[in-house]
N, C-alpha and C. Protein backbone atom coordinates (compact mmCIF):
# COMPACT_ATOMS: atom_id res chain seq x y z
N MET A 1 -8.98 -2.94 -7.26
CA MET A 1 -9.92 -2.20 -6.52
C MET A 1 -9.46 -1.95 -5.26
N ALA A 2 -8.83 -2.82 -4.55
CA ALA A 2 -8.38 -2.52 -3.24
C ALA A 2 -7.54 -1.12 -2.98
N THR A 3 -6.58 -1.10 -4.29
CA THR A 3 -5.90 0.33 -4.14
C THR A 3 -7.08 1.54 -4.30
N LEU A 4 -7.82 1.29 -5.04
CA LEU A 4 -8.76 2.44 -5.33
C LEU A 4 -9.65 3.18 -3.99
N SER A 5 -9.96 1.63 -3.29
CA SER A 5 -10.61 1.92 -2.02
C SER A 5 -9.59 2.65 -0.87
N ALA A 6 -8.23 2.25 -1.03
CA ALA A 6 -7.43 2.47 0.05
C ALA A 6 -7.01 3.97 -0.12
N VAL A 7 -6.97 4.55 -1.59
CA VAL A 7 -6.61 5.91 -1.97
C VAL A 7 -7.86 6.78 -1.89
N ARG A 8 -9.04 6.33 -2.01
CA ARG A 8 -10.11 7.13 -1.72
C ARG A 8 -10.72 7.33 0.00
N TRP A 9 -10.80 5.92 0.34
CA TRP A 9 -11.23 5.97 1.92
C TRP A 9 -10.58 5.37 2.94
N ASP A 10 -8.90 5.53 2.81
CA ASP A 10 -8.30 4.89 3.82
C ASP A 10 -8.36 5.43 5.03
N PRO A 11 -8.88 4.44 6.06
CA PRO A 11 -8.95 5.16 7.38
C PRO A 11 -7.61 5.63 7.94
N ASN A 12 -6.49 4.94 7.47
CA ASN A 12 -4.98 5.17 7.83
C ASN A 12 -4.82 6.25 6.52
N PRO A 13 -4.61 7.45 6.74
CA PRO A 13 -4.06 8.30 5.56
C PRO A 13 -3.05 7.87 4.92
N VAL A 14 -2.24 7.02 5.01
CA VAL A 14 -0.86 6.79 4.26
C VAL A 14 -0.98 6.55 2.88
N MET A 15 -2.06 5.96 2.43
CA MET A 15 -2.16 5.52 0.88
C MET A 15 -2.74 6.74 0.19
N LYS A 16 -3.60 7.24 0.83
CA LYS A 16 -4.07 8.59 0.36
C LYS A 16 -3.20 9.67 0.10
N ALA A 17 -2.27 9.96 1.13
CA ALA A 17 -1.16 10.90 1.25
C ALA A 17 -0.32 10.44 0.27
N HIS A 18 0.05 9.48 -0.08
CA HIS A 18 0.93 9.02 -0.79
C HIS A 18 0.51 9.22 -2.40
N TYR A 19 -0.71 9.03 -2.64
CA TYR A 19 -1.17 9.09 -3.97
C TYR A 19 -1.17 10.53 -4.30
N GLN A 20 -1.58 11.52 -3.28
CA GLN A 20 -1.82 12.94 -3.50
C GLN A 20 -0.40 13.58 -3.78
N GLN A 21 0.54 12.95 -3.03
CA GLN A 21 1.95 13.45 -3.39
C GLN A 21 2.52 13.12 -4.64
N LEU A 22 2.12 11.85 -5.35
CA LEU A 22 2.38 11.58 -6.72
C LEU A 22 1.97 12.33 -7.48
N ARG A 23 0.60 12.79 -7.22
CA ARG A 23 -0.06 13.66 -8.25
C ARG A 23 0.47 15.13 -8.24
N ALA A 24 0.72 15.50 -7.03
CA ALA A 24 1.18 16.78 -7.00
C ALA A 24 2.42 16.85 -7.77
N ARG A 25 3.37 16.04 -7.86
CA ARG A 25 4.56 15.99 -8.34
C ARG A 25 4.52 15.80 -10.02
N GLY A 26 2.99 15.65 -10.28
CA GLY A 26 2.85 15.72 -11.78
C GLY A 26 2.76 13.91 -12.36
N LYS A 27 2.49 13.22 -11.75
CA LYS A 27 2.35 12.02 -12.38
C LYS A 27 1.12 11.81 -12.64
N LEU A 28 0.77 10.91 -13.88
CA LEU A 28 -0.47 10.78 -14.32
C LEU A 28 -1.17 9.96 -13.08
N ALA A 29 -2.46 9.89 -13.52
CA ALA A 29 -3.51 9.41 -12.30
C ALA A 29 -3.31 7.85 -12.38
N LYS A 30 -3.03 7.11 -13.44
CA LYS A 30 -2.64 5.80 -13.64
C LYS A 30 -1.33 5.31 -12.85
N VAL A 31 -0.47 6.21 -13.41
CA VAL A 31 1.13 5.97 -12.70
C VAL A 31 1.08 5.89 -11.20
N ALA A 32 0.22 6.90 -10.84
CA ALA A 32 0.14 7.14 -9.28
C ALA A 32 -0.45 5.99 -8.70
N LEU A 33 -1.52 5.66 -9.33
CA LEU A 33 -2.36 4.30 -8.90
C LEU A 33 -1.58 3.16 -8.83
N ALA A 34 -0.55 2.90 -9.89
CA ALA A 34 0.32 1.81 -9.98
C ALA A 34 1.19 1.94 -8.85
N ALA A 35 1.56 3.03 -8.57
CA ALA A 35 2.62 3.02 -7.45
C ALA A 35 2.05 2.77 -6.28
N CYS A 36 0.82 3.15 -5.77
CA CYS A 36 -0.01 2.78 -4.61
C CYS A 36 -0.28 1.33 -4.56
N MET A 37 -0.32 0.76 -5.86
CA MET A 37 -0.59 -0.93 -5.74
C MET A 37 0.59 -1.46 -5.43
N ARG A 38 1.65 -1.05 -5.67
CA ARG A 38 3.13 -1.80 -5.35
C ARG A 38 3.45 -1.46 -3.98
N LYS A 39 2.84 -0.32 -3.22
CA LYS A 39 2.92 0.02 -2.12
C LYS A 39 2.23 -0.81 -1.27
N LEU A 40 0.88 -1.01 -1.47
CA LEU A 40 -0.17 -1.72 -0.87
C LEU A 40 0.48 -3.19 -0.81
N LEU A 41 0.85 -3.71 -1.89
CA LEU A 41 1.28 -5.14 -1.96
C LEU A 41 2.50 -5.41 -1.03
N THR A 42 3.41 -4.43 -1.11
CA THR A 42 4.39 -4.48 -0.18
C THR A 42 4.17 -4.61 1.39
N ILE A 43 3.08 -3.77 1.80
CA ILE A 43 2.64 -3.73 3.23
C ILE A 43 1.75 -5.15 3.61
N VAL A 44 0.98 -5.65 2.52
CA VAL A 44 0.27 -6.78 2.84
C VAL A 44 1.55 -8.00 2.78
N ASN A 45 2.29 -8.13 2.05
CA ASN A 45 3.35 -9.16 2.49
C ASN A 45 4.08 -8.88 3.64
N ALA A 46 4.45 -7.70 3.98
CA ALA A 46 5.14 -7.66 5.38
C ALA A 46 4.23 -7.99 6.44
N ARG A 47 2.84 -7.87 6.44
CA ARG A 47 2.04 -8.07 7.51
C ARG A 47 2.14 -9.65 7.49
N ARG A 48 1.87 -10.15 6.48
CA ARG A 48 1.73 -11.86 6.14
C ARG A 48 3.08 -12.28 6.88
N ARG A 49 4.21 -11.82 6.51
CA ARG A 49 5.68 -12.35 7.19
C ARG A 49 5.55 -12.38 8.43
N ASP A 50 5.01 -11.01 8.99
CA ASP A 50 5.29 -10.88 10.50
C ASP A 50 4.15 -11.86 11.08
N GLU A 51 3.09 -12.02 10.52
CA GLU A 51 2.11 -12.90 11.21
C GLU A 51 2.79 -14.47 11.28
N LEU A 52 3.49 -14.90 10.28
CA LEU A 52 3.74 -16.07 10.23
C LEU A 52 5.09 -16.54 11.06
N MET A 53 5.94 -15.24 11.31
CA MET A 53 7.00 -15.40 12.12
C MET A 53 6.29 -15.28 13.50
N ALA A 54 5.39 -14.78 13.88
CA ALA A 54 4.81 -14.61 15.01
C ALA A 54 4.12 -16.02 15.47
N SER A 55 3.81 -16.62 14.40
CA SER A 55 3.07 -18.06 14.99
C SER A 55 3.94 -19.03 14.86
N GLY A 56 5.26 -18.96 14.48
CA GLY A 56 6.21 -19.88 14.41
C GLY A 56 6.57 -20.70 13.17
N MET A 57 5.97 -20.23 12.02
CA MET A 57 5.74 -21.04 10.97
C MET A 57 7.08 -20.81 10.17
N ILE A 58 7.60 -19.64 10.31
CA ILE A 58 9.06 -19.43 9.59
C ILE A 58 9.86 -18.82 10.79
N ALA A 59 11.00 -19.75 10.83
CA ALA A 59 11.89 -19.46 11.67
C ALA A 59 13.03 -18.33 11.08
N THR A 60 13.70 -17.83 12.08
CA THR A 60 14.38 -16.63 11.66
C THR A 60 15.78 -17.12 11.84
């Protein structure tokens, strides 16, 4: 559901542009959505990692 929202109403148009690019290259809607899910998960994990590093919970 988060991915659907990001693809449709993303205030930062990165996810919407990624989805539209995949669709333009001929990917099926579900395949493009799954690729966006993976991209969104990667973004969320990277932000969480950065937050933990900034707070000192993870040492580099």
